[in-house]
């Protein structure tokens, strides 16, 4: 494990360079893995304000 002291900009630039240095196929698989991990990321539950309400729909002829 390596500890680096760097700014956020330096860190982002290094991550981008590392990602772009991968072969195209590996880049794609890396993107898919990231997408899968993000889908499991905990998010704040959205409160449905209309949850306990009902809706009356009157269709016109």
N, C-alpha and C. Protein backbone atom coordinates (compact mmCIF):
# COMPACT_ATOMS: atom_id res chain seq x y z
N UNK A 1 0.84 -1.18 0.00
CA UNK A 1 0.00 0.00 0.00
C UNK A 1 0.88 1.23 0.00
N UNK A 2 0.48 2.20 -0.79
CA UNK A 2 1.26 3.42 -0.94
C UNK A 2 0.42 4.61 -0.52
N UNK A 3 0.98 5.48 0.29
CA UNK A 3 0.29 6.70 0.72
C UNK A 3 0.90 7.87 -0.02
N UNK A 4 0.05 8.67 -0.64
CA UNK A 4 0.51 9.85 -1.38
C UNK A 4 -0.17 11.09 -0.82
N UNK A 5 0.58 12.15 -0.78
CA UNK A 5 0.03 13.44 -0.38
C UNK A 5 -0.03 14.30 -1.64
N UNK A 6 -1.25 14.55 -2.11
CA UNK A 6 -1.43 15.30 -3.34
C UNK A 6 -2.74 16.06 -3.30
N UNK A 7 -2.86 17.02 -4.18
CA UNK A 7 -4.10 17.79 -4.24
C UNK A 7 -5.17 16.97 -4.95
N UNK A 8 -6.39 17.44 -4.85
CA UNK A 8 -7.50 16.76 -5.51
C UNK A 8 -7.29 16.77 -7.03
N UNK A 9 -6.83 17.90 -7.55
CA UNK A 9 -6.60 18.01 -9.00
C UNK A 9 -5.54 17.01 -9.45
N UNK A 10 -4.47 16.88 -8.68
CA UNK A 10 -3.42 15.92 -9.02
C UNK A 10 -3.94 14.50 -8.97
N UNK A 11 -4.74 14.21 -7.96
CA UNK A 11 -5.31 12.88 -7.81
C UNK A 11 -6.23 12.55 -8.98
N UNK A 12 -7.10 13.50 -9.34
CA UNK A 12 -8.02 13.28 -10.46
C UNK A 12 -7.26 13.09 -11.78
N UNK A 13 -6.21 13.88 -11.97
CA UNK A 13 -5.42 13.76 -13.21
C UNK A 13 -4.75 12.39 -13.29
N UNK A 14 -4.21 11.93 -12.16
CA UNK A 14 -3.55 10.63 -12.14
C UNK A 14 -4.54 9.50 -12.41
N UNK A 15 -5.72 9.58 -11.80
CA UNK A 15 -6.75 8.57 -12.02
C UNK A 15 -7.16 8.53 -13.50
N UNK A 16 -7.31 9.71 -14.10
CA UNK A 16 -7.68 9.78 -15.50
C UNK A 16 -6.58 9.19 -16.38
N UNK A 17 -5.34 9.52 -16.10
CA UNK A 17 -4.22 8.99 -16.88
C UNK A 17 -4.14 7.46 -16.74
N UNK A 18 -4.32 6.97 -15.53
CA UNK A 18 -4.29 5.52 -15.30
C UNK A 18 -5.41 4.83 -16.08
N UNK A 19 -6.59 5.44 -16.05
CA UNK A 19 -7.73 4.86 -16.75
C UNK A 19 -7.50 4.86 -18.27
N UNK A 20 -7.01 5.98 -18.80
CA UNK A 20 -6.80 6.08 -20.24
C UNK A 20 -5.63 5.23 -20.73
N UNK A 21 -4.74 4.84 -19.83
CA UNK A 21 -3.62 3.99 -20.23
C UNK A 21 -4.02 2.52 -20.39
N UNK A 22 -5.22 2.17 -19.91
CA UNK A 22 -5.70 0.81 -20.07
C UNK A 22 -6.07 0.54 -21.53
N UNK A 23 -5.96 -0.71 -21.96
CA UNK A 23 -6.46 -1.05 -23.31
C UNK A 23 -7.96 -0.78 -23.39
N UNK A 24 -8.47 -0.54 -24.59
CA UNK A 24 -9.88 -0.17 -24.76
C UNK A 24 -10.84 -1.17 -24.14
N UNK A 25 -10.55 -2.45 -24.30
CA UNK A 25 -11.44 -3.48 -23.75
C UNK A 25 -11.45 -3.42 -22.23
N UNK A 26 -10.27 -3.26 -21.63
CA UNK A 26 -10.19 -3.16 -20.16
C UNK A 26 -10.88 -1.91 -19.66
N UNK A 27 -10.78 -0.83 -20.42
CA UNK A 27 -11.47 0.42 -20.05
C UNK A 27 -12.97 0.19 -19.99
N UNK A 28 -13.49 -0.51 -20.99
CA UNK A 28 -14.92 -0.79 -21.04
C UNK A 28 -15.34 -1.66 -19.85
N UNK A 29 -14.57 -2.72 -19.57
CA UNK A 29 -14.90 -3.58 -18.42
C UNK A 29 -14.77 -2.82 -17.11
N UNK A 30 -13.81 -1.94 -17.02
CA UNK A 30 -13.65 -1.12 -15.83
C UNK A 30 -14.87 -0.22 -15.63
N UNK A 31 -15.34 0.34 -16.73
CA UNK A 31 -16.54 1.18 -16.68
C UNK A 31 -17.75 0.37 -16.22
N UNK A 32 -17.90 -0.85 -16.74
CA UNK A 32 -19.03 -1.69 -16.32
C UNK A 32 -18.95 -2.05 -14.85
N UNK A 33 -17.74 -2.36 -14.37
CA UNK A 33 -17.58 -2.68 -12.94
C UNK A 33 -17.94 -1.47 -12.08
N UNK A 34 -17.51 -0.30 -12.49
CA UNK A 34 -17.83 0.92 -11.76
C UNK A 34 -19.34 1.16 -11.75
N UNK A 35 -19.99 0.97 -12.89
CA UNK A 35 -21.44 1.15 -12.97
C UNK A 35 -22.17 0.20 -12.03
N UNK A 36 -21.69 -1.03 -11.98
CA UNK A 36 -22.31 -2.00 -11.08
C UNK A 36 -22.12 -1.61 -9.62
N UNK A 37 -20.94 -1.13 -9.27
CA UNK A 37 -20.69 -0.71 -7.89
C UNK A 37 -21.52 0.51 -7.52
N UNK A 38 -21.71 1.42 -8.46
CA UNK A 38 -22.49 2.62 -8.18
C UNK A 38 -23.96 2.26 -7.94
N UNK A 39 -24.47 1.27 -8.67
CA UNK A 39 -25.87 0.88 -8.50
C UNK A 39 -26.14 0.33 -7.10
N UNK A 40 -25.12 -0.18 -6.43
CA UNK A 40 -25.29 -0.70 -5.07
C UNK A 40 -24.98 0.36 -4.01
N UNK A 41 -24.63 1.57 -4.43
CA UNK A 41 -24.28 2.64 -3.50
C UNK A 41 -25.53 3.09 -2.75
N UNK A 42 -25.44 3.23 -1.44
CA UNK A 42 -26.63 3.63 -0.68
C UNK A 42 -27.03 5.07 -1.00
N UNK A 43 -28.32 5.27 -1.19
CA UNK A 43 -28.85 6.61 -1.49
C UNK A 43 -29.97 6.93 -0.52
N UNK A 44 -30.21 8.20 -0.37
CA UNK A 44 -31.28 8.65 0.50
C UNK A 44 -32.61 8.29 -0.16
N UNK A 45 -33.50 7.68 0.59
CA UNK A 45 -34.80 7.31 0.04
C UNK A 45 -35.62 8.55 -0.24
N UNK A 46 -36.18 8.58 -1.43
CA UNK A 46 -37.04 9.69 -1.81
C UNK A 46 -38.41 9.47 -1.18
N UNK A 47 -38.92 10.50 -0.54
CA UNK A 47 -40.23 10.41 0.11
C UNK A 47 -41.30 10.70 -0.94
N UNK A 48 -42.20 9.75 -1.11
CA UNK A 48 -43.29 9.92 -2.05
C UNK A 48 -44.42 10.65 -1.33
N UNK A 49 -44.63 11.91 -1.70
CA UNK A 49 -45.64 12.72 -1.03
C UNK A 49 -47.06 12.23 -1.31
N UNK A 50 -47.25 11.53 -2.41
CA UNK A 50 -48.58 11.05 -2.78
C UNK A 50 -48.82 9.61 -2.35
N UNK A 51 -47.99 9.11 -1.50
CA UNK A 51 -48.07 7.70 -1.11
C UNK A 51 -49.42 7.34 -0.49
N UNK A 52 -49.90 8.17 0.43
CA UNK A 52 -51.13 7.86 1.15
C UNK A 52 -52.35 8.55 0.53
N UNK A 53 -52.18 9.14 -0.62
CA UNK A 53 -53.29 9.81 -1.30
C UNK A 53 -53.83 8.88 -2.39
N UNK A 54 -55.03 9.15 -2.81
CA UNK A 54 -55.58 8.41 -3.92
C UNK A 54 -55.95 9.42 -5.01
N UNK A 55 -56.10 8.94 -6.20
CA UNK A 55 -56.34 9.79 -7.35
C UNK A 55 -57.63 9.38 -8.01
N UNK A 56 -58.51 10.36 -8.24
CA UNK A 56 -59.75 10.11 -8.94
C UNK A 56 -59.58 10.63 -10.36
N UNK A 57 -59.74 9.72 -11.32
CA UNK A 57 -59.59 10.09 -12.73
C UNK A 57 -60.95 9.97 -13.39
N UNK A 58 -61.41 11.09 -13.96
CA UNK A 58 -62.69 11.09 -14.66
C UNK A 58 -62.37 11.23 -16.14
N UNK A 59 -62.66 10.18 -16.90
CA UNK A 59 -62.38 10.19 -18.32
C UNK A 59 -63.53 10.85 -19.05
N UNK A 60 -63.18 11.76 -19.95
CA UNK A 60 -64.22 12.42 -20.75
C UNK A 60 -64.55 11.54 -21.95
N UNK A 61 -65.79 11.66 -22.42
CA UNK A 61 -66.25 10.82 -23.54
C UNK A 61 -65.79 11.32 -24.85
